[in-house]
Amino acid sequence: MRTVIAVVVLLMLCAGVRAQTVTECGKSGGYSYYFAGGLVPADKGGWKKDGIDGGRIILNLINGKIDLLVGNAIDTTPSSVKQIGGKIIPRKTNSNDLIALTVFYDDTEITEDYVFQLTDRGDGTVAETVIRTAGAINKMSLMTASCRRPR
């Protein structure tokens, strides 16, 4: 009986929520610049080919507000950027097919930028930069991934 009540309450809470997936992006590839120090020996720093084979980036609109679900090399199951403490800031663009977002994580000193170039069907590309400056591995990355609206 408790399970039925919990499900009914959950459905009532979610009934007013309108979620729409704008696009889903898969594995990413590109380059990262690794800064020597921490876990990166002095002779191992510099530019390296990089990628996230199991990565996913999902752009959602929930009640007209943007959220990103992101899966990374450590945890490929996508997590909501907002739910893990990220602040999403939409950026101006001069093109209707671009969506530009900056994400700040206060407690981890990570900054991410995403620029989606999408058709009206949600297909296209995302370019992503990640800057990490306060971890055991500090780096700056630029990667791209193909995107497609779920069908």
Foldseek 3Di string as FASTA:
>chain_A
DVVVVVVVVVCVVCVPKDKFWLKKWAKKWDKKFWDDAQPRHPVRGGIDTDIAHLWMWIWMAIPNDTWIFIAGNVGRGTDICVVVAKDKDWDDDPDPQWTWIWIDHVPFQKIKIWIFRADNQSWGKIWMWIAGDPDSITMITIIMTTMGGDD
